[in-house]
Amino acid sequence: MGESKRRKAALGEKYGQEKQILPWLPITKTQAEAFVKWTTRGAWVGIGALALVWVTVIFIGPSLGWW
């Protein structure tokens, strides 16, 4: 209990707030993790779309006489 009070007194208003990744960049660790999560999901969607277009062009297109 004493250590918690000392930490709270030392940090003042910053007590309980998340730390920033870099002091000059206003992004918290949670925001950075969310960014990585969404960009990873977007990359997989892009890979899936690319595969779908590839299958269409290589297999379905010639069978329909497009090329």
PDB file of N, CA and C in Angstrom:
ATOM      1  N   MET A   1       0.822  -1.181   0.000  1.00  0.00           N
ATOM      2  CA  MET A   1       0.000   0.000   0.000  1.00  0.00           C
ATOM      3  C   MET A   1       0.876   1.259   0.000  1.00  0.00           C
ATOM      4  N   GLY A   2       1.972   1.243   0.670  1.00  0.00           N
ATOM      5  CA  GLY A   2       2.840   2.408   0.735  1.00  0.00           C
ATOM      6  C   GLY A   2       3.488   2.724  -0.598  1.00  0.00           C
ATOM      7  N   GLU A   3       3.907   1.684  -1.325  1.00  0.00           N
ATOM      8  CA  GLU A   3       4.556   1.894  -2.621  1.00  0.00           C
ATOM      9  C   GLU A   3       3.590   2.545  -3.605  1.00  0.00           C
ATOM     10  N   SER A   4       2.350   2.131  -3.578  1.00  0.00           N
ATOM     11  CA  SER A   4       1.339   2.700  -4.472  1.00  0.00           C
ATOM     12  C   SER A   4       1.149   4.187  -4.196  1.00  0.00           C
ATOM     13  N   LYS A   5       1.108   4.553  -2.952  1.00  0.00           N
ATOM     14  CA  LYS A   5       0.938   5.967  -2.592  1.00  0.00           C
ATOM     15  C   LYS A   5       2.157   6.786  -3.014  1.00  0.00           C
ATOM     16  N   ARG A   6       3.354   6.223  -2.838  1.00  0.00           N
ATOM     17  CA  ARG A   6       4.564   6.926  -3.258  1.00  0.00           C
ATOM     18  C   ARG A   6       4.580   7.123  -4.772  1.00  0.00           C
ATOM     19  N   ARG A   7       4.190   6.080  -5.517  1.00  0.00           N
ATOM     20  CA  ARG A   7       4.159   6.176  -6.980  1.00  0.00           C
ATOM     21  C   ARG A   7       3.146   7.229  -7.420  1.00  0.00           C
ATOM     22  N   LYS A   8       1.994   7.246  -6.768  1.00  0.00           N
ATOM     23  CA  LYS A   8       0.959   8.215  -7.109  1.00  0.00           C
ATOM     24  C   LYS A   8       1.446   9.633  -6.807  1.00  0.00           C
ATOM     25  N   ALA A   9       2.128   9.801  -5.710  1.00  0.00           N
ATOM     26  CA  ALA A   9       2.638  11.123  -5.352  1.00  0.00           C
ATOM     27  C   ALA A   9       3.737  11.565  -6.319  1.00  0.00           C
ATOM     28  N   ALA A  10       4.570  10.627  -6.756  1.00  0.00           N
ATOM     29  CA  ALA A  10       5.667  10.965  -7.656  1.00  0.00           C
ATOM     30  C   ALA A  10       5.161  11.306  -9.060  1.00  0.00           C
ATOM     31  N   LEU A  11       4.163  10.573  -9.533  1.00  0.00           N
ATOM     32  CA  LEU A  11       3.671  10.800 -10.886  1.00  0.00           C
ATOM     33  C   LEU A  11       2.670  11.941 -10.980  1.00  0.00           C
ATOM     34  N   GLY A  12       1.980  12.220  -9.905  1.00  0.00           N
ATOM     35  CA  GLY A  12       1.022  13.328  -9.903  1.00  0.00           C
ATOM     36  C   GLY A  12      -0.149  13.065 -10.840  1.00  0.00           C
ATOM     37  N   GLU A  13      -0.375  13.965 -11.783  1.00  0.00           N
ATOM     38  CA  GLU A  13      -1.515  13.847 -12.704  1.00  0.00           C
ATOM     39  C   GLU A  13      -1.340  12.732 -13.723  1.00  0.00           C
ATOM     40  N   LYS A  14      -0.126  12.286 -13.950  1.00  0.00           N
ATOM     41  CA  LYS A  14       0.126  11.234 -14.930  1.00  0.00           C
ATOM     42  C   LYS A  14      -0.154   9.836 -14.371  1.00  0.00           C
ATOM     43  N   TYR A  15      -0.488   9.747 -13.113  1.00  0.00           N
ATOM     44  CA  TYR A  15      -0.744   8.451 -12.484  1.00  0.00           C
ATOM     45  C   TYR A  15      -1.970   7.792 -13.122  1.00  0.00           C
ATOM     46  N   GLY A  16      -1.822   6.549 -13.573  1.00  0.00           N
ATOM     47  CA  GLY A  16      -2.923   5.799 -14.159  1.00  0.00           C
ATOM     48  C   GLY A  16      -3.092   6.016 -15.649  1.00  0.00           C
ATOM     49  N   GLN A  17      -2.336   6.922 -16.229  1.00  0.00           N
ATOM     50  CA  GLN A  17      -2.432   7.159 -17.667  1.00  0.00           C
ATOM     51  C   GLN A  17      -1.428   6.276 -18.402  1.00  0.00           C
ATOM     52  N   GLU A  18      -1.773   5.956 -19.649  1.00  0.00           N
ATOM     53  CA  GLU A  18      -0.871   5.124 -20.446  1.00  0.00           C
ATOM     54  C   GLU A  18       0.356   5.912 -20.864  1.00  0.00           C
ATOM     55  N   LYS A  19       1.461   5.190 -21.010  1.00  0.00           N
ATOM     56  CA  LYS A  19       2.678   5.819 -21.491  1.00  0.00           C
ATOM     57  C   LYS A  19       2.624   5.917 -23.010  1.00  0.00           C
ATOM     58  N   GLN A  20       3.298   6.940 -23.522  1.00  0.00           N
ATOM     59  CA  GLN A  20       3.409   7.091 -24.964  1.00  0.00           C
ATOM     60  C   GLN A  20       4.583   6.263 -25.456  1.00  0.00           C
ATOM     61  N   ILE A  21       4.526   5.874 -26.735  1.00  0.00           N
ATOM     62  CA  ILE A  21       5.607   5.081 -27.304  1.00  0.00           C
ATOM     63  C   ILE A  21       6.894   5.904 -27.344  1.00  0.00           C
ATOM     64  N   LEU A  22       6.798   7.090 -27.889  1.00  0.00           N
ATOM     65  CA  LEU A  22       7.924   8.019 -27.924  1.00  0.00           C
ATOM     66  C   LEU A  22       7.469   9.335 -27.296  1.00  0.00           C
ATOM     67  N   PRO A  23       8.342  10.028 -26.605  1.00  0.00           N
ATOM     68  CA  PRO A  23       7.921  11.261 -25.929  1.00  0.00           C
ATOM     69  C   PRO A  23       7.380  12.322 -26.893  1.00  0.00           C
ATOM     70  N   TRP A  24       7.894  12.386 -28.106  1.00  0.00           N
ATOM     71  CA  TRP A  24       7.482  13.412 -29.055  1.00  0.00           C
ATOM     72  C   TRP A  24       6.355  12.946 -29.974  1.00  0.00           C
ATOM     73  N   LEU A  25       5.884  11.696 -29.831  1.00  0.00           N
ATOM     74  CA  LEU A  25       4.823  11.149 -30.667  1.00  0.00           C
ATOM     75  C   LEU A  25       3.608  10.858 -29.790  1.00  0.00           C
ATOM     76  N   PRO A  26       2.493  11.543 -30.023  1.00  0.00           N
ATOM     77  CA  PRO A  26       1.339  11.384 -29.133  1.00  0.00           C
ATOM     78  C   PRO A  26       0.509  10.138 -29.424  1.00  0.00           C
ATOM     79  N   ILE A  27       1.136   8.974 -29.416  1.00  0.00           N
ATOM     80  CA  ILE A  27       0.446   7.704 -29.655  1.00  0.00           C
ATOM     81  C   ILE A  27       0.749   6.774 -28.481  1.00  0.00           C
ATOM     82  N   THR A  28      -0.307   6.222 -27.907  1.00  0.00           N
ATOM     83  CA  THR A  28      -0.123   5.309 -26.786  1.00  0.00           C
ATOM     84  C   THR A  28       0.101   3.892 -27.297  1.00  0.00           C
ATOM     85  N   LYS A  29       0.503   3.028 -26.408  1.00  0.00           N
ATOM     86  CA  LYS A  29       0.771   1.642 -26.776  1.00  0.00           C
ATOM     87  C   LYS A  29      -0.505   0.945 -27.258  1.00  0.00           C
ATOM     88  N   THR A  30      -1.636   1.222 -26.639  1.00  0.00           N
ATOM     89  CA  THR A  30      -2.902   0.623 -27.042  1.00  0.00           C
ATOM     90  C   THR A  30      -3.293   1.074 -28.449  1.00  0.00           C
ATOM     91  N   GLN A  31      -3.086   2.344 -28.755  1.00  0.00           N
ATOM     92  CA  GLN A  31      -3.392   2.841 -30.094  1.00  0.00           C
ATOM     93  C   GLN A  31      -2.490   2.198 -31.136  1.00  0.00           C
ATOM     94  N   ALA A  32      -1.226   1.993 -30.808  1.00  0.00           N
ATOM     95  CA  ALA A  32      -0.303   1.351 -31.741  1.00  0.00           C
ATOM     96  C   ALA A  32      -0.705  -0.099 -31.992  1.00  0.00           C
ATOM     97  N   GLU A  33      -1.128  -0.798 -30.941  1.00  0.00           N
ATOM     98  CA  GLU A  33      -1.575  -2.184 -31.115  1.00  0.00           C
ATOM     99  C   GLU A  33      -2.832  -2.256 -31.974  1.00  0.00           C
ATOM    100  N   ALA A  34      -3.746  -1.313 -31.798  1.00  0.00           N
ATOM    101  CA  ALA A  34      -4.967  -1.283 -32.617  1.00  0.00           C
ATOM    102  C   ALA A  34      -4.619  -1.001 -34.079  1.00  0.00           C
ATOM    103  N   PHE A  35      -3.657  -0.126 -34.313  1.00  0.00           N
ATOM    104  CA  PHE A  35      -3.229   0.180 -35.680  1.00  0.00           C
ATOM    105  C   PHE A  35      -2.652  -1.059 -36.354  1.00  0.00           C
ATOM    106  N   VAL A  36      -1.819  -1.792 -35.642  1.00  0.00           N
ATOM    107  CA  VAL A  36      -1.233  -3.014 -36.198  1.00  0.00           C
ATOM    108  C   VAL A  36      -2.325  -4.041 -36.486  1.00  0.00           C
ATOM    109  N   LYS A  37      -3.283  -4.153 -35.590  1.00  0.00           N
ATOM    110  CA  LYS A  37      -4.390  -5.103 -35.779  1.00  0.00           C
ATOM    111  C   LYS A  37      -5.174  -4.778 -37.047  1.00  0.00           C
ATOM    112  N   TRP A  38      -5.544  -3.508 -37.226  1.00  0.00           N
ATOM    113  CA  TRP A  38      -6.345  -3.130 -38.387  1.00  0.00           C
ATOM    114  C   TRP A  38      -5.559  -3.216 -39.686  1.00  0.00           C
ATOM    115  N   THR A  39      -4.295  -2.843 -39.675  1.00  0.00           N
ATOM    116  CA  THR A  39      -3.515  -2.921 -40.910  1.00  0.00           C
ATOM    117  C   THR A  39      -3.243  -4.364 -41.297  1.00  0.00           C
ATOM    118  N   THR A  40      -3.065  -5.247 -40.314  1.00  0.00           N
ATOM    119  CA  THR A  40      -2.887  -6.668 -40.611  1.00  0.00           C
ATOM    120  C   THR A  40      -4.160  -7.241 -41.238  1.00  0.00           C
ATOM    121  N   ARG A  41      -5.296  -6.883 -40.671  1.00  0.00           N
ATOM    122  CA  ARG A  41      -6.573  -7.345 -41.222  1.00  0.00           C
ATOM    123  C   ARG A  41      -6.754  -6.817 -42.647  1.00  0.00           C
ATOM    124  N   GLY A  42      -6.413  -5.558 -42.875  1.00  0.00           N
ATOM    125  CA  GLY A  42      -6.518  -4.970 -44.214  1.00  0.00           C
ATOM    126  C   GLY A  42      -5.598  -5.652 -45.208  1.00  0.00           C
ATOM    127  N   ALA A  43      -4.416  -6.019 -44.764  1.00  0.00           N
ATOM    128  CA  ALA A  43      -3.486  -6.721 -45.647  1.00  0.00           C
ATOM    129  C   ALA A  43      -4.046  -8.074 -46.062  1.00  0.00           C
ATOM    130  N   TRP A  44      -4.647  -8.801 -45.135  1.00  0.00           N
ATOM    131  CA  TRP A  44      -5.236 -10.101 -45.473  1.00  0.00           C
ATOM    132  C   TRP A  44      -6.421  -9.947 -46.414  1.00  0.00           C
ATOM    133  N   VAL A  45      -7.211  -8.909 -46.240  1.00  0.00           N
ATOM    134  CA  VAL A  45      -8.318  -8.649 -47.171  1.00  0.00           C
ATOM    135  C   VAL A  45      -7.759  -8.365 -48.563  1.00  0.00           C
ATOM    136  N   GLY A  46      -6.697  -7.584 -48.634  1.00  0.00           N
ATOM    137  CA  GLY A  46      -6.058  -7.293 -49.920  1.00  0.00           C
ATOM    138  C   GLY A  46      -5.498  -8.536 -50.585  1.00  0.00           C
ATOM    139  N   ILE A  47      -4.890  -9.413 -49.799  1.00  0.00           N
ATOM    140  CA  ILE A  47      -4.356 -10.661 -50.343  1.00  0.00           C
ATOM    141  C   ILE A  47      -5.492 -11.530 -50.887  1.00  0.00           C
ATOM    142  N   GLY A  48      -6.591 -11.591 -50.147  1.00  0.00           N
ATOM    143  CA  GLY A  48      -7.749 -12.359 -50.607  1.00  0.00           C
ATOM    144  C   GLY A  48      -8.327 -11.795 -51.888  1.00  0.00           C
ATOM    145  N   ALA A  49      -8.434 -10.465 -51.977  1.00  0.00           N
ATOM    146  CA  ALA A  49      -8.949  -9.825 -53.193  1.00  0.00           C
ATOM    147  C   ALA A  49      -8.021 -10.078 -54.374  1.00  0.00           C
ATOM    148  N   LEU A  50      -6.724 -10.006 -54.143  1.00  0.00           N
ATOM    149  CA  LEU A  50      -5.757 -10.285 -55.202  1.00  0.00           C
ATOM    150  C   LEU A  50      -5.885 -11.716 -55.696  1.00  0.00           C
ATOM    151  N   ALA A  51      -6.043 -12.657 -54.782  1.00  0.00           N
ATOM    152  CA  ALA A  51      -6.208 -14.060 -55.173  1.00  0.00           C
ATOM    153  C   ALA A  51      -7.495 -14.250 -55.975  1.00  0.00           C
ATOM    154  N   LEU A  52      -8.568 -13.587 -55.580  1.00  0.00           N
ATOM    155  CA  LEU A  52      -9.835 -13.687 -56.297  1.00  0.00           C
ATOM    156  C   LEU A  52      -9.716 -13.130 -57.717  1.00  0.00           C
ATOM    157  N   VAL A  53      -9.070 -11.991 -57.854  1.00  0.00           N
ATOM    158  CA  VAL A  53      -8.855 -11.413 -59.185  1.00  0.00           C
ATOM    159  C   VAL A  53      -7.967 -12.330 -60.016  1.00  0.00           C
ATOM    160  N   TRP A  54      -6.942 -12.891 -59.427  1.00  0.00           N
ATOM    161  CA  TRP A  54      -6.037 -13.788 -60.143  1.00  0.00           C
ATOM    162  C   TRP A  54      -6.789 -15.014 -60.661  1.00  0.00           C
ATOM    163  N   VAL A  55      -7.602 -15.630 -59.814  1.00  0.00           N
ATOM    164  CA  VAL A  55      -8.383 -16.801 -60.230  1.00  0.00           C
ATOM    165  C   VAL A  55      -9.331 -16.422 -61.357  1.00  0.00           C
ATOM    166  N   THR A  56      -9.944 -15.255 -61.254  1.00  0.00           N
ATOM    167  CA  THR A  56     -10.870 -14.809 -62.302  1.00  0.00           C
ATOM    168  C   THR A  56     -10.147 -14.621 -63.630  1.00  0.00           C
ATOM    169  N   VAL A  57      -9.020 -13.950 -63.603  1.00  0.00           N
ATOM    170  CA  VAL A  57      -8.294 -13.670 -64.841  1.00  0.00           C
ATOM    171  C   VAL A  57      -7.692 -14.937 -65.434  1.00  0.00           C
ATOM    172  N   ILE A  58      -7.113 -15.802 -64.615  1.00  0.00           N
ATOM    173  CA  ILE A  58      -6.407 -16.973 -65.121  1.00  0.00           C
ATOM    174  C   ILE A  58      -7.361 -18.092 -65.532  1.00  0.00           C
ATOM    175  N   PHE A  59      -8.396 -18.371 -64.769  1.00  0.00           N
ATOM    176  CA  PHE A  59      -9.242 -19.528 -65.024  1.00  0.00           C
ATOM    177  C   PHE A  59     -10.616 -19.184 -65.600  1.00  0.00           C
ATOM    178  N   ILE A  60     -11.309 -18.249 -65.001  1.00  0.00           N
ATOM    179  CA  ILE A  60     -12.684 -17.972 -65.414  1.00  0.00           C
ATOM    180  C   ILE A  60     -12.721 -17.136 -66.699  1.00  0.00           C
ATOM    181  N   GLY A  61     -11.838 -16.166 -66.806  1.00  0.00           N
ATOM    182  CA  GLY A  61     -11.805 -15.301 -67.992  1.00  0.00           C
ATOM    183  C   GLY A  61     -11.646 -16.067 -69.297  1.00  0.00           C
ATOM    184  N   PRO A  62     -10.642 -16.912 -69.432  1.00  0.00           N
ATOM    185  CA  PRO A  62     -10.480 -17.659 -70.690  1.00  0.00           C
ATOM    186  C   PRO A  62     -11.649 -18.613 -70.992  1.00  0.00           C
ATOM    187  N   SER A  63     -12.259 -19.170 -69.952  1.00  0.00           N
ATOM    188  CA  SER A  63     -13.362 -20.085 -70.213  1.00  0.00           C
ATOM    189  C   SER A  63     -14.598 -19.340 -70.705  1.00  0.00           C
ATOM    190  N   LEU A  64     -14.697 -18.048 -70.402  1.00  0.00           N
ATOM    191  CA  LEU A  64     -15.812 -17.254 -70.893  1.00  0.00           C
ATOM    192  C   LEU A  64     -15.485 -16.531 -72.191  1.00  0.00           C
ATOM    193  N   GLY A  65     -14.266 -16.702 -72.678  1.00  0.00           N
ATOM    194  CA  GLY A  65     -13.848 -16.078 -73.925  1.00  0.00           C
ATOM    195  C   GLY A  65     -13.453 -14.629 -73.786  1.00  0.00           C
ATOM    196  N   TRP A  66     -13.064 -14.199 -72.577  1.00  0.00           N
ATOM    197  CA  TRP A  66     -12.667 -12.804 -72.380  1.00  0.00           C
ATOM    198  C   TRP A  66     -11.289 -12.522 -72.961  1.00  0.00           C
ATOM    199  N   TRP A  67     -10.426 -13.502 -73.004  1.00  0.00           N
ATOM    200  CA  TRP A  67      -9.061 -13.258 -73.489  1.00  0.00           C
ATOM    201  C   TRP A  67      -8.768 -14.083 -74.680  1.00  0.00           C
TER     202      TRP A  67
END
